Amino acid sequence: MFPFKIGYRTIKTAIGAAAAISIAQFFGLNSFASAGILTILCVQSSKKKSLQAAYARFFACMIAIAFSYIFFETIAYHTLVLGLLILAFIPITVWLKVSEGIVTSSVIILHLFTAKNITLDIVYNEIALIVIGIGVALLVNLYMPSLDNKLKQYQVEIEDNFRTIFQEMVSYLRTNESRWVGNEIIETARSLDEAKSLAFRDVENHFLRTQDYYYYYFKTREKQFEIIERILPMVTSIDLLVVQRFMIADFLEELSEGIHPGNTAQHYLNRLHDLHHQFKEEPLPTSRDEFEARAQLFRLLKEMEQYLLIKKSLKVD
């Protein structure tokens, strides 16, 4: 067993670098190894990022060639001039928003500085290296493994945690006791962060779309989770065993059994409205403690309404 694992991006980078160097060598280009460096720098975690990196590096390299000619040919091939060129070049790339290409362009600048003479043949050589290096990186990055299985796994984990949290609330509302330590709260927060990041990467792997089912699904769950975190202290702050507690417990139990990717929010909203009506039909509180307990339970119903409206409005189905 290896103490580490090799990811698909590492494999693509190795294959791409070797291919770029071989192609540059086949065409007899000088400094052919630089094509491999360009490929390594352009292979990214998503197709969109790879395309952005390729554009930034190509544009920056073209600027680097122009700057090299202006500084070296009109002033001198001297280390002080090289420093002056870099001093001017970096702010320009930042201003043009192609700063990703600074390292790549520096390689091109040093090639031209070492050549001590910028001719058309040398410029063509550098452009060919750039095209081969960036082109190979774009080709190997066309393959992106499907993230569906991992995203579905996060989906199941988060839904299971939601189910457990609701069931723990049900248990407390019915018994006024709980031995739950709340591990699912921490796990859900972590899973949501990781799932959103992965879902966003999935969006970036599709050039022709800017929205994605999984990304909006996890955004929906994140908003619902914020409500769950708000209502947990409400539930645990109610000590008096009023009848409304058991009514809400029954509702939450039914809701926990219906947690899934589909959008059944309207069904539970209807159930919630029935509960509101039943609450209003109940006799008025007879003590301050009962009034406070019922007020908290009413707030809990309002929060659950928002929980369901979030699911309904984002139409995750």
Protein backbone atom coordinates (compact mmCIF):
# COMPACT_ATOMS: atom_id res chain seq x y z
CA MET A 1 0.00 0.00 0.00
CA PHE A 2 1.26 3.47 -0.90
CA PRO A 3 1.08 6.01 1.97
CA PHE A 4 -0.48 8.42 -0.54
CA LYS A 5 -2.85 8.31 -3.48
CA ILE A 6 -2.40 9.70 -6.97
CA GLY A 7 -5.33 11.80 -8.17
CA TYR A 8 -6.67 12.08 -11.70
CA ARG A 9 -5.31 15.64 -11.98
CA THR A 10 -1.79 14.43 -11.19
CA ILE A 11 -2.07 11.69 -13.81
CA LYS A 12 -3.34 14.15 -16.44
CA THR A 13 -0.55 16.59 -15.60
CA ALA A 14 2.13 13.90 -15.98
CA ILE A 15 0.71 12.66 -19.29
CA GLY A 16 0.21 16.21 -20.59
CA ALA A 17 3.71 17.38 -19.67
CA ALA A 18 5.32 14.37 -21.32
CA ALA A 19 3.17 14.79 -24.44
CA ALA A 20 3.90 18.53 -24.73
CA ILE A 21 7.66 18.01 -24.42
CA SER A 22 7.56 15.18 -26.99
CA ILE A 23 5.63 17.32 -29.49
CA ALA A 24 7.96 20.31 -29.02
CA GLN A 25 10.96 18.04 -29.38
CA PHE A 26 9.47 16.43 -32.51
CA PHE A 27 9.21 19.87 -34.17
CA GLY A 28 12.80 20.66 -33.19
CA LEU A 29 11.96 23.63 -30.94
CA ASN A 30 14.61 25.14 -28.73
CA SER A 31 13.99 24.88 -24.96
CA PHE A 32 11.38 22.22 -25.71
CA ALA A 33 11.09 21.31 -22.00
CA SER A 34 9.34 24.67 -21.43
CA ALA A 35 6.28 23.30 -23.24
CA GLY A 36 5.94 20.78 -20.41
CA ILE A 37 6.17 23.56 -17.82
CA LEU A 38 3.36 25.43 -19.55
CA THR A 39 1.19 22.31 -19.54
CA ILE A 40 1.82 21.71 -15.84
CA LEU A 41 0.79 25.28 -15.03
CA CYS A 42 -2.38 25.14 -17.15
CA VAL A 43 -3.91 21.89 -15.89
CA GLN A 44 -6.52 22.97 -13.35
CA SER A 45 -9.22 21.38 -11.19
CA SER A 46 -12.01 22.27 -13.64
CA LYS A 47 -12.50 22.96 -17.34
CA LYS A 48 -13.47 26.57 -16.73
CA LYS A 49 -10.40 27.25 -14.58
CA SER A 50 -8.18 25.56 -17.16
CA LEU A 51 -9.60 27.75 -19.93
CA GLN A 52 -9.12 30.89 -17.81
CA ALA A 53 -5.54 29.87 -16.98
CA ALA A 54 -4.80 29.20 -20.66
CA TYR A 55 -6.13 32.61 -21.71
CA ALA A 56 -4.22 34.44 -18.95
CA ARG A 57 -0.94 32.69 -19.72
CA PHE A 58 -1.18 33.09 -23.49
CA PHE A 59 -2.03 36.79 -23.23
CA ALA A 60 0.69 37.39 -20.63
CA CYS A 61 3.27 35.58 -22.78
CA MET A 62 2.43 37.76 -25.79
CA ILE A 63 2.92 40.85 -23.61
CA ALA A 64 6.19 39.39 -22.32
CA ILE A 65 7.54 38.98 -25.87
CA ALA A 66 6.62 42.56 -26.74
CA PHE A 67 8.15 43.93 -23.52
CA SER A 68 11.32 41.87 -24.04
CA TYR A 69 11.81 43.32 -27.51
CA ILE A 70 11.23 46.89 -26.29
CA PHE A 71 13.52 46.65 -23.27
CA PHE A 72 16.30 44.39 -24.53
CA GLU A 73 16.57 45.59 -28.11
CA THR A 74 16.15 49.31 -27.40
CA ILE A 75 18.12 49.47 -24.14
CA ALA A 76 20.44 46.51 -23.53
CA TYR A 77 20.69 42.85 -22.61
CA HIS A 78 21.69 43.54 -19.02
CA THR A 79 20.49 42.21 -15.67
CA LEU A 80 19.49 45.73 -14.58
CA VAL A 81 17.31 46.04 -17.68
CA LEU A 82 15.86 42.61 -16.92
CA GLY A 83 14.93 43.82 -13.43
CA LEU A 84 13.42 47.00 -14.88
CA LEU A 85 11.39 44.94 -17.37
CA ILE A 86 9.97 42.75 -14.60
CA LEU A 87 9.25 45.86 -12.53
CA ALA A 88 7.11 47.21 -15.34
CA PHE A 89 5.68 43.88 -16.54
CA ILE A 90 4.13 42.57 -13.31
CA PRO A 91 1.92 45.62 -12.58
CA ILE A 92 0.71 45.57 -16.20
CA THR A 93 -0.36 41.91 -15.99
CA VAL A 94 -2.12 42.58 -12.69
CA TRP A 95 -3.91 45.60 -14.21
CA LEU A 96 -4.96 43.52 -17.23
CA LYS A 97 -6.13 40.72 -14.88
CA VAL A 98 -3.79 38.10 -16.34
CA SER A 99 -1.47 37.83 -13.34
CA GLU A 100 -1.76 34.00 -13.51
CA GLY A 101 0.60 34.23 -16.46
CA ILE A 102 3.46 35.94 -14.60
CA VAL A 103 5.45 32.76 -13.88
CA THR A 104 4.97 31.39 -17.41
CA SER A 105 5.89 34.71 -18.97
CA SER A 106 9.00 34.93 -16.84
CA VAL A 107 10.24 31.74 -18.49
CA ILE A 108 9.71 33.32 -21.93
CA ILE A 109 11.45 36.54 -20.85
CA LEU A 110 14.48 34.60 -19.60
CA HIS A 111 14.63 32.64 -22.86
CA LEU A 112 14.80 35.88 -24.83
CA PHE A 113 17.26 37.44 -22.39
CA THR A 114 19.56 34.41 -22.71
CA ALA A 115 19.31 34.48 -26.52
CA LYS A 116 20.81 38.03 -26.55
CA ASN A 117 19.09 38.62 -29.86
CA ILE A 118 15.38 38.65 -30.64
CA THR A 119 14.69 37.47 -34.20
CA LEU A 120 11.52 36.28 -35.89
CA ASP A 121 12.72 32.67 -35.64
CA ILE A 122 13.18 33.00 -31.89
CA VAL A 123 9.76 34.63 -31.49
CA TYR A 124 8.13 31.86 -33.56
CA ASN A 125 9.90 29.29 -31.38
CA GLU A 126 8.52 30.84 -28.19
CA ILE A 127 5.00 31.15 -29.60
CA ALA A 128 5.12 27.50 -30.71
CA LEU A 129 6.14 26.44 -27.19
CA ILE A 130 3.27 28.47 -25.74
CA VAL A 131 0.69 27.04 -28.16
CA ILE A 132 1.87 23.43 -27.64
CA GLY A 133 2.04 23.73 -23.85
CA ILE A 134 -1.34 25.43 -23.44
CA GLY A 135 -3.00 23.36 -26.19
CA VAL A 136 -2.01 20.04 -24.64
CA ALA A 137 -3.21 21.23 -21.22
CA LEU A 138 -6.61 22.09 -22.66
CA LEU A 139 -6.83 18.72 -24.40
CA VAL A 140 -6.03 16.64 -21.33
CA ASN A 141 -8.42 18.76 -19.28
CA LEU A 142 -11.31 17.87 -21.57
CA TYR A 143 -11.63 14.73 -19.47
CA MET A 144 -13.16 15.37 -16.08
CA PRO A 145 -14.41 12.38 -14.05
CA SER A 146 -18.07 12.54 -13.07
CA LEU A 147 -18.69 13.95 -9.61
CA ASP A 148 -22.26 12.60 -9.42
CA ASN A 149 -21.49 9.66 -7.13
CA LYS A 150 -19.65 11.83 -4.61
CA LEU A 151 -22.37 14.49 -4.72
CA LYS A 152 -25.06 11.86 -4.18
CA GLN A 153 -23.08 10.52 -1.23
CA TYR A 154 -23.04 14.00 0.35
CA GLN A 155 -26.76 14.28 -0.38
CA VAL A 156 -27.49 11.05 1.50
CA GLU A 157 -25.24 12.02 4.44
CA ILE A 158 -26.88 15.42 4.87
CA GLU A 159 -30.40 14.04 4.60
CA ASP A 160 -29.59 11.31 7.15
CA ASN A 161 -28.25 13.94 9.54
CA PHE A 162 -31.34 16.14 9.06
CA ARG A 163 -33.50 13.09 9.81
CA THR A 164 -31.56 12.31 12.99
CA ILE A 165 -31.71 15.92 14.21
CA PHE A 166 -35.48 16.08 13.73
CA GLN A 167 -35.94 12.73 15.46
CA GLU A 168 -33.92 13.96 18.44
CA MET A 169 -36.16 17.04 18.63
CA VAL A 170 -39.20 14.77 18.52
CA SER A 171 -37.82 12.68 21.37
CA TYR A 172 -37.15 15.74 23.53
CA LEU A 173 -40.57 17.26 22.88
CA ARG A 174 -42.26 14.03 23.97
CA THR A 175 -40.12 13.15 26.99
CA ASN A 176 -38.31 16.33 28.07
CA GLU A 177 -35.13 14.23 28.10
CA SER A 178 -32.23 13.79 25.71
CA ARG A 179 -28.81 12.13 25.71
CA TRP A 180 -27.96 13.40 22.23
CA VAL A 181 -24.50 15.02 21.99
CA GLY A 182 -25.15 16.81 18.68
CA ASN A 183 -22.45 15.23 16.49
CA GLU A 184 -24.76 15.51 13.49
CA ILE A 185 -24.70 19.31 13.74
CA ILE A 186 -20.92 19.44 13.27
CA GLU A 187 -20.98 16.75 10.57
CA THR A 188 -23.72 18.52 8.61
CA ALA A 189 -21.90 21.88 8.66
CA ARG A 190 -18.74 20.22 7.36
CA SER A 191 -20.57 18.16 4.72
CA LEU A 192 -22.45 21.21 3.41
CA ASP A 193 -19.21 23.19 2.95
CA GLU A 194 -17.50 20.31 1.15
CA ALA A 195 -20.56 19.49 -0.96
CA LYS A 196 -21.06 23.10 -2.12
CA SER A 197 -17.41 23.34 -3.12
CA LEU A 198 -17.64 20.10 -5.08
CA ALA A 199 -20.93 21.11 -6.70
CA PHE A 200 -19.45 24.44 -7.78
CA ARG A 201 -16.54 22.60 -9.38
CA ASP A 202 -19.08 20.47 -11.22
CA VAL A 203 -20.70 23.65 -12.58
CA GLU A 204 -17.29 24.86 -13.81
CA ASN A 205 -16.84 21.63 -15.76
CA HIS A 206 -19.78 22.53 -18.00
CA PHE A 207 -19.18 25.51 -20.29
CA LEU A 208 -22.73 25.74 -21.58
CA ARG A 209 -24.48 26.08 -18.24
CA THR A 210 -24.08 28.37 -15.23
CA GLN A 211 -26.55 26.65 -12.90
CA ASP A 212 -26.52 23.15 -11.49
CA TYR A 213 -29.04 20.95 -9.66
CA TYR A 214 -26.62 19.85 -6.99
CA TYR A 215 -25.26 23.32 -6.26
CA TYR A 216 -28.76 24.70 -5.66
CA TYR A 217 -29.77 21.60 -3.74
CA PHE A 218 -26.93 22.11 -1.26
CA LYS A 219 -27.61 25.86 -1.07
CA THR A 220 -31.20 24.96 -0.16
CA ARG A 221 -30.05 22.56 2.53
CA GLU A 222 -27.62 25.15 3.87
CA LYS A 223 -30.43 27.69 4.34
CA GLN A 224 -32.61 25.05 5.97
CA PHE A 225 -29.74 24.05 8.25
CA GLU A 226 -29.47 27.65 9.47
CA ILE A 227 -33.11 27.40 10.56
CA ILE A 228 -32.48 24.05 12.28
CA GLU A 229 -29.65 25.66 14.26
CA ARG A 230 -32.04 28.43 15.32
CA ILE A 231 -34.87 26.17 16.44
CA LEU A 232 -32.77 23.73 18.48
CA PRO A 233 -32.37 26.21 21.40
CA MET A 234 -36.13 26.92 21.19
CA VAL A 235 -36.95 23.24 21.60
CA THR A 236 -34.61 22.71 24.55
CA SER A 237 -35.80 25.87 26.31
CA ILE A 238 -39.37 24.53 26.67
CA ASP A 239 -39.82 22.62 29.95
CA LEU A 240 -43.57 22.53 30.40
CA LEU A 241 -45.28 19.49 28.82
CA VAL A 242 -48.16 21.31 27.14
CA VAL A 243 -50.30 19.43 24.65
CA GLN A 244 -48.99 21.50 21.73
CA ARG A 245 -45.54 19.95 22.22
CA PHE A 246 -46.92 16.55 21.25
CA MET A 247 -48.72 17.99 18.24
CA ILE A 248 -45.49 19.54 16.95
CA ALA A 249 -43.57 16.35 17.77
CA ASP A 250 -45.96 14.37 15.57
CA PHE A 251 -45.49 16.89 12.76
CA LEU A 252 -41.68 16.83 13.02
CA GLU A 253 -41.69 13.05 13.07
CA GLU A 254 -43.72 12.96 9.87
CA LEU A 255 -41.42 15.58 8.33
CA SER A 256 -38.28 13.60 9.27
CA GLU A 257 -39.65 10.53 7.49
CA GLY A 258 -40.22 12.57 4.33
CA ILE A 259 -36.75 14.10 3.95
CA HIS A 260 -35.52 13.34 0.43
CA PRO A 261 -34.33 15.23 -2.69
CA GLY A 262 -37.86 15.67 -4.04
CA ASN A 263 -39.92 18.77 -3.35
CA THR A 264 -42.88 17.85 -1.12
CA ALA A 265 -42.85 21.16 0.73
CA GLN A 266 -46.43 22.08 -0.14
CA HIS A 267 -47.80 18.94 1.53
CA TYR A 268 -46.07 19.80 4.82
CA LEU A 269 -47.01 23.46 4.52
CA ASN A 270 -50.63 22.37 4.41
CA ARG A 271 -50.08 20.25 7.52
CA LEU A 272 -48.42 23.21 9.21
CA HIS A 273 -51.38 25.49 8.43
CA ASP A 274 -53.68 22.89 9.99
CA LEU A 275 -51.53 22.97 13.12
CA HIS A 276 -51.77 26.78 13.22
CA HIS A 277 -55.53 26.47 13.08
CA GLN A 278 -55.56 23.85 15.86
CA PHE A 279 -53.36 26.06 18.05
CA LYS A 280 -55.83 28.91 17.67
CA GLU A 281 -58.73 26.65 18.64
CA GLU A 282 -57.03 25.59 21.88
CA PRO A 283 -58.15 27.26 25.17
CA LEU A 284 -56.05 30.24 26.30
CA PRO A 285 -53.07 29.59 28.62
CA THR A 286 -53.92 29.45 32.33
CA SER A 287 -50.46 30.37 33.63
CA ARG A 288 -47.42 32.43 32.69
CA ASP A 289 -45.30 29.28 32.20
CA GLU A 290 -47.86 27.81 29.84
CA PHE A 291 -48.09 31.10 27.94
CA GLU A 292 -44.29 31.23 27.48
CA ALA A 293 -44.13 27.57 26.42
CA ARG A 294 -46.88 27.99 23.85
CA ALA A 295 -45.31 31.22 22.58
CA GLN A 296 -42.04 29.37 21.96
CA LEU A 297 -43.89 26.58 20.21
CA PHE A 298 -45.66 29.11 18.02
CA ARG A 299 -42.29 30.64 17.10
CA LEU A 300 -41.10 27.13 16.30
CA LEU A 301 -44.00 26.72 13.87
CA LYS A 302 -43.11 30.00 12.13
CA GLU A 303 -39.50 28.88 11.73
CA MET A 304 -40.62 25.54 10.31
CA GLU A 305 -42.79 27.43 7.84
CA GLN A 306 -39.69 29.27 6.63
CA TYR A 307 -37.83 25.96 6.47
CA LEU A 308 -40.47 24.60 4.09
CA LEU A 309 -40.85 27.80 2.06
CA ILE A 310 -37.10 27.73 1.30
CA LYS A 311 -37.44 24.25 -0.20
CA LYS A 312 -40.52 25.24 -2.14
CA SER A 313 -39.14 28.54 -3.53
CA LEU A 314 -35.90 27.01 -4.83
CA LYS A 315 -37.80 24.21 -6.56
CA VAL A 316 -35.30 21.44 -5.87
CA ASP A 317 -37.10 18.50 -7.39
